[in-house]
N, C-alpha and C. Protein backbone atom coordinates (compact mmCIF):
# COMPACT_ATOMS: atom_id res chain seq x y z
N UNK A 1 -18.08 -40.15 62.46
CA UNK A 1 -17.23 -39.05 62.07
C UNK A 1 -16.07 -39.44 61.24
N UNK A 2 -15.63 -40.53 61.33
CA UNK A 2 -14.54 -41.08 60.57
C UNK A 2 -14.88 -40.99 59.09
N UNK A 3 -16.13 -41.27 58.76
CA UNK A 3 -16.49 -41.26 57.33
C UNK A 3 -16.73 -39.74 56.89
N UNK A 4 -16.95 -38.85 57.64
CA UNK A 4 -17.14 -37.48 57.29
C UNK A 4 -15.74 -36.83 56.91
N UNK A 5 -14.69 -37.37 57.59
CA UNK A 5 -13.33 -36.85 57.36
C UNK A 5 -12.99 -37.16 55.91
N UNK A 6 -12.98 -38.37 55.45
CA UNK A 6 -12.63 -38.54 54.06
C UNK A 6 -13.49 -37.84 53.05
N UNK A 7 -14.78 -37.53 53.39
CA UNK A 7 -15.64 -36.87 52.45
C UNK A 7 -15.14 -35.40 52.49
N UNK A 8 -14.67 -34.88 53.57
CA UNK A 8 -14.23 -33.58 53.51
C UNK A 8 -12.88 -33.39 52.78
N UNK A 9 -12.03 -34.37 52.95
CA UNK A 9 -10.73 -34.35 52.23
C UNK A 9 -11.04 -34.47 50.67
N UNK A 10 -12.07 -35.34 50.40
CA UNK A 10 -12.40 -35.59 48.94
C UNK A 10 -13.10 -34.22 48.43
N UNK A 11 -13.81 -33.62 49.18
CA UNK A 11 -14.57 -32.35 48.77
C UNK A 11 -13.43 -31.29 48.70
N UNK A 12 -12.52 -31.16 49.57
CA UNK A 12 -11.46 -30.21 49.37
C UNK A 12 -10.58 -30.49 48.25
N UNK A 13 -10.30 -31.73 47.95
CA UNK A 13 -9.36 -32.03 46.79
C UNK A 13 -10.15 -31.69 45.45
N UNK A 14 -11.39 -31.98 45.51
CA UNK A 14 -12.22 -31.62 44.29
C UNK A 14 -12.37 -30.10 44.17
N UNK A 15 -12.44 -29.31 45.27
CA UNK A 15 -12.50 -27.88 45.12
C UNK A 15 -11.13 -27.47 44.74
N UNK A 16 -10.04 -27.95 45.12
CA UNK A 16 -8.79 -27.59 44.80
C UNK A 16 -8.52 -27.85 43.26
N UNK A 17 -9.05 -29.00 42.82
CA UNK A 17 -8.74 -29.34 41.42
C UNK A 17 -9.64 -28.43 40.55
N UNK A 18 -10.91 -28.22 41.05
CA UNK A 18 -11.75 -27.29 40.32
C UNK A 18 -11.21 -25.91 40.28
N UNK A 19 -10.62 -25.57 41.41
CA UNK A 19 -10.02 -24.10 41.51
C UNK A 19 -8.80 -24.00 40.41
N UNK A 20 -8.05 -25.14 40.42
CA UNK A 20 -6.83 -25.16 39.47
C UNK A 20 -7.42 -25.09 38.02
N UNK A 21 -8.47 -25.79 37.77
CA UNK A 21 -9.04 -25.86 36.38
C UNK A 21 -9.59 -24.53 36.04
N UNK A 22 -10.27 -23.80 36.97
CA UNK A 22 -10.86 -22.50 36.70
C UNK A 22 -9.68 -21.50 36.40
N UNK A 23 -8.66 -21.62 37.19
CA UNK A 23 -7.47 -20.85 36.97
C UNK A 23 -6.80 -20.98 35.62
N UNK A 24 -6.87 -22.25 35.35
CA UNK A 24 -6.07 -22.63 33.97
C UNK A 24 -7.03 -22.15 32.82
N UNK A 25 -8.33 -22.32 33.02
CA UNK A 25 -9.33 -21.88 31.98
C UNK A 25 -9.27 -20.31 31.77
N UNK A 26 -9.12 -19.68 32.93
CA UNK A 26 -8.96 -18.24 32.88
C UNK A 26 -7.77 -17.78 32.17
N UNK A 27 -6.66 -18.43 32.43
CA UNK A 27 -5.43 -18.07 31.71
C UNK A 27 -5.60 -18.41 30.26
N UNK A 28 -6.27 -19.49 29.89
CA UNK A 28 -6.49 -19.77 28.42
C UNK A 28 -7.44 -18.75 27.72
N UNK A 29 -8.37 -18.28 28.49
CA UNK A 29 -9.32 -17.25 27.95
C UNK A 29 -8.52 -15.94 27.67
N UNK A 30 -7.60 -15.74 28.74
CA UNK A 30 -6.82 -14.40 28.44
C UNK A 30 -5.88 -14.54 27.28
N UNK A 31 -5.30 -15.67 27.16
CA UNK A 31 -4.39 -15.94 26.01
C UNK A 31 -5.16 -15.93 24.73
N UNK A 32 -6.29 -16.43 24.73
CA UNK A 32 -7.11 -16.46 23.46
C UNK A 32 -7.62 -15.05 23.15
N UNK A 33 -7.91 -14.24 24.20
CA UNK A 33 -8.27 -12.89 23.95
C UNK A 33 -7.07 -12.03 23.36
N UNK A 34 -5.96 -12.26 23.92
CA UNK A 34 -4.77 -11.61 23.46
C UNK A 34 -4.57 -12.01 21.96
N UNK A 35 -4.69 -13.30 21.61
CA UNK A 35 -4.53 -13.79 20.17
C UNK A 35 -5.47 -13.10 19.23
N UNK A 36 -6.74 -13.00 19.75
CA UNK A 36 -7.78 -12.46 18.97
C UNK A 36 -7.46 -10.95 18.65
N UNK A 37 -7.03 -10.26 19.70
CA UNK A 37 -6.64 -8.86 19.49
C UNK A 37 -5.45 -8.71 18.58
N UNK A 38 -4.47 -9.70 18.63
CA UNK A 38 -3.49 -9.64 17.74
C UNK A 38 -3.87 -9.89 16.32
N UNK A 39 -4.85 -10.85 16.12
CA UNK A 39 -5.39 -11.10 14.82
C UNK A 39 -6.11 -9.83 14.35
N UNK A 40 -6.84 -9.19 15.22
CA UNK A 40 -7.56 -8.05 14.76
C UNK A 40 -6.58 -7.01 14.38
N UNK A 41 -5.54 -6.82 15.06
CA UNK A 41 -4.57 -5.77 14.68
C UNK A 41 -3.89 -6.20 13.34
N UNK A 42 -3.61 -7.43 13.28
CA UNK A 42 -2.96 -7.93 11.98
C UNK A 42 -3.95 -7.59 10.81
N UNK A 43 -5.19 -7.86 11.05
CA UNK A 43 -6.15 -7.69 10.00
C UNK A 43 -6.27 -6.18 9.62
N UNK A 44 -6.16 -5.28 10.65
CA UNK A 44 -6.12 -3.96 10.45
C UNK A 44 -4.85 -3.43 9.66
N UNK A 45 -3.86 -4.02 9.96
CA UNK A 45 -2.56 -3.65 9.30
C UNK A 45 -2.59 -4.12 7.84
N UNK A 46 -3.18 -5.28 7.61
CA UNK A 46 -3.31 -5.88 6.33
C UNK A 46 -4.19 -4.96 5.47
N UNK A 47 -5.30 -4.44 6.08
CA UNK A 47 -6.17 -3.63 5.42
C UNK A 47 -5.51 -2.22 5.04
N UNK A 48 -4.71 -1.72 5.96
CA UNK A 48 -4.00 -0.50 5.63
C UNK A 48 -2.94 -0.67 4.50
N UNK A 49 -2.40 -1.84 4.53
CA UNK A 49 -1.37 -2.17 3.52
C UNK A 49 -2.04 -2.27 2.11
N UNK A 50 -3.21 -2.92 2.13
CA UNK A 50 -3.98 -2.99 0.84
C UNK A 50 -4.34 -1.64 0.32
N UNK A 51 -4.84 -0.77 1.29
CA UNK A 51 -5.24 0.54 0.76
C UNK A 51 -4.15 1.42 0.43
N UNK A 52 -2.90 1.25 1.03
CA UNK A 52 -1.74 1.96 0.58
C UNK A 52 -1.31 1.43 -0.75
N UNK A 53 -1.45 0.07 -1.03
CA UNK A 53 -0.99 -0.45 -2.31
C UNK A 53 -1.92 0.08 -3.40
N UNK A 54 -3.25 0.24 -3.13
CA UNK A 54 -4.15 0.80 -4.08
C UNK A 54 -3.69 2.21 -4.46
N UNK A 55 -3.44 2.97 -3.48
CA UNK A 55 -2.95 4.41 -3.67
C UNK A 55 -1.74 4.50 -4.59
N UNK A 56 -0.78 3.59 -4.19
CA UNK A 56 0.40 3.59 -4.97
C UNK A 56 0.20 3.16 -6.38
N UNK A 57 -0.68 2.09 -6.59
CA UNK A 57 -1.03 1.71 -7.87
C UNK A 57 -1.62 2.89 -8.66
N UNK A 58 -2.55 3.65 -8.11
CA UNK A 58 -3.19 4.74 -8.75
C UNK A 58 -2.09 5.77 -9.10
N UNK A 59 -1.13 5.97 -8.20
CA UNK A 59 -0.01 6.92 -8.49
C UNK A 59 0.79 6.45 -9.62
N UNK A 60 1.00 5.29 -9.73
CA UNK A 60 1.88 4.64 -10.76
C UNK A 60 1.17 4.86 -12.10
N UNK A 61 -0.12 4.45 -12.11
CA UNK A 61 -0.90 4.62 -13.34
C UNK A 61 -1.03 6.09 -13.83
N UNK A 62 -1.18 6.95 -12.86
CA UNK A 62 -1.17 8.44 -13.13
C UNK A 62 0.13 8.83 -13.83
N UNK A 63 1.26 8.27 -13.19
CA UNK A 63 2.56 8.70 -13.72
C UNK A 63 2.70 8.12 -15.08
N UNK A 64 2.40 6.83 -15.39
CA UNK A 64 2.45 6.32 -16.63
C UNK A 64 1.67 7.20 -17.63
N UNK A 65 0.51 7.69 -17.24
CA UNK A 65 -0.35 8.39 -18.24
C UNK A 65 0.39 9.66 -18.49
N UNK A 66 0.92 10.35 -17.37
CA UNK A 66 1.68 11.63 -17.56
C UNK A 66 2.91 11.33 -18.59
N UNK A 67 3.59 10.28 -18.34
CA UNK A 67 4.77 10.03 -19.25
C UNK A 67 4.29 9.85 -20.70
N UNK A 68 3.23 9.11 -20.82
CA UNK A 68 2.68 8.98 -22.21
C UNK A 68 2.39 10.22 -22.90
N UNK A 69 1.78 11.10 -22.13
CA UNK A 69 1.32 12.40 -22.59
C UNK A 69 2.60 13.23 -22.88
N UNK A 70 3.59 13.24 -21.99
CA UNK A 70 4.84 14.01 -22.30
C UNK A 70 5.56 13.43 -23.56
N UNK A 71 5.48 12.16 -23.89
CA UNK A 71 6.07 11.60 -24.94
C UNK A 71 5.38 12.14 -26.20
N UNK A 72 4.08 12.21 -26.18
CA UNK A 72 3.27 12.81 -27.40
C UNK A 72 3.68 14.21 -27.59
N UNK A 73 3.76 14.98 -26.49
CA UNK A 73 4.16 16.39 -26.55
C UNK A 73 5.53 16.57 -27.11
N UNK A 74 6.56 15.73 -26.73
CA UNK A 74 7.89 15.78 -27.19
C UNK A 74 7.91 15.53 -28.69
N UNK A 75 7.07 14.56 -29.19
CA UNK A 75 7.15 14.21 -30.57
C UNK A 75 6.60 15.47 -31.28
N UNK A 76 5.52 16.13 -30.89
CA UNK A 76 4.88 17.30 -31.50
C UNK A 76 5.97 18.38 -31.51
N UNK A 77 6.69 18.66 -30.35
CA UNK A 77 7.76 19.66 -30.35
C UNK A 77 8.82 19.41 -31.37
N UNK A 78 9.19 18.16 -31.50
CA UNK A 78 10.16 17.77 -32.51
C UNK A 78 9.69 18.23 -33.90
N UNK A 79 8.42 17.82 -34.16
CA UNK A 79 8.00 18.14 -35.44
C UNK A 79 8.03 19.67 -35.80
N UNK A 80 7.68 20.47 -34.63
CA UNK A 80 7.59 21.84 -34.79
C UNK A 80 8.94 22.40 -34.96
N UNK A 81 9.99 21.83 -34.24
CA UNK A 81 11.32 22.26 -34.34
C UNK A 81 11.90 22.06 -35.74
N UNK A 82 11.60 20.90 -36.31
CA UNK A 82 12.00 20.66 -37.80
C UNK A 82 11.28 21.66 -38.69
N UNK A 83 10.05 21.97 -38.56
CA UNK A 83 9.31 22.90 -39.29
C UNK A 83 9.94 24.24 -39.27
N UNK A 84 10.32 24.64 -37.99
CA UNK A 84 10.99 25.99 -37.84
C UNK A 84 12.36 26.00 -38.45
N UNK A 85 13.10 24.90 -38.32
CA UNK A 85 14.49 24.86 -39.03
C UNK A 85 14.34 25.05 -40.52
N UNK A 86 13.26 24.30 -41.17
CA UNK A 86 13.00 24.47 -42.60
C UNK A 86 12.68 25.80 -42.99
N UNK A 87 11.83 26.44 -42.13
CA UNK A 87 11.40 27.89 -42.49
C UNK A 87 12.60 28.79 -42.32
N UNK A 88 13.51 28.54 -41.37
CA UNK A 88 14.68 29.37 -41.25
C UNK A 88 15.55 29.13 -42.35
N UNK A 89 15.75 27.98 -42.88
CA UNK A 89 16.61 27.69 -44.06
C UNK A 89 15.98 28.43 -45.34
N UNK A 90 14.60 28.30 -45.43
CA UNK A 90 13.96 28.89 -46.51
C UNK A 90 14.13 30.42 -46.48
N UNK A 91 13.99 30.87 -45.25
CA UNK A 91 14.18 32.34 -45.01
C UNK A 91 15.51 32.82 -45.37
N UNK A 92 16.51 32.05 -45.09
CA UNK A 92 17.94 32.42 -45.38
C UNK A 92 18.08 32.40 -46.86
N UNK A 93 17.49 31.43 -47.58
CA UNK A 93 17.58 31.33 -49.00
C UNK A 93 16.87 32.55 -49.62
N UNK A 94 15.69 32.86 -49.08
CA UNK A 94 14.96 33.96 -49.67
C UNK A 94 15.72 35.30 -49.53
N UNK A 95 16.48 35.49 -48.37
CA UNK A 95 17.19 36.67 -48.08
C UNK A 95 18.30 36.68 -49.05
N UNK A 96 18.93 35.64 -49.29
CA UNK A 96 20.06 35.58 -50.36
C UNK A 96 19.58 35.96 -51.67
N UNK A 97 18.38 35.40 -52.00
CA UNK A 97 17.81 35.69 -53.40
C UNK A 97 17.48 37.23 -53.50
N UNK A 98 16.88 37.81 -52.40
CA UNK A 98 16.56 39.19 -52.41
C UNK A 98 17.75 40.07 -52.50
N UNK A 99 18.83 39.64 -51.89
CA UNK A 99 20.12 40.46 -51.89
C UNK A 99 20.57 40.40 -53.42
N UNK A 100 20.45 39.34 -53.97
CA UNK A 100 20.99 39.09 -55.39
C UNK A 100 20.15 39.94 -56.38
N UNK A 101 18.83 39.91 -56.04
CA UNK A 101 17.96 40.70 -56.88
C UNK A 101 18.13 42.13 -56.79
N UNK A 102 18.36 42.62 -55.51
CA UNK A 102 18.48 44.00 -55.25
C UNK A 102 19.83 44.59 -55.72
N UNK A 103 20.93 43.77 -55.99
CA UNK A 103 22.16 44.33 -56.33
C UNK A 103 22.20 44.78 -57.70
């Protein structure tokens, strides 16, 4: 019976160590799971940020295109304004000439 007692103590200490190791491993698995979930969330956020960046880039390109078109329109309007001013000046000159002729 004396030899059975040390075996029982040895078995209990092994069970205790094994129980501690299982608890430690369970904690590690939980920590790993949390880290994977964080990584998954980070990946999701990075994906959203990339998508938003593409949307912003498209908006910027569209704005640049609109500004370029507005610049062309402004140039054309300036040419039309100059042409109208010349026509008004010519019209004024013609009116003066007609007045002179009609007198």
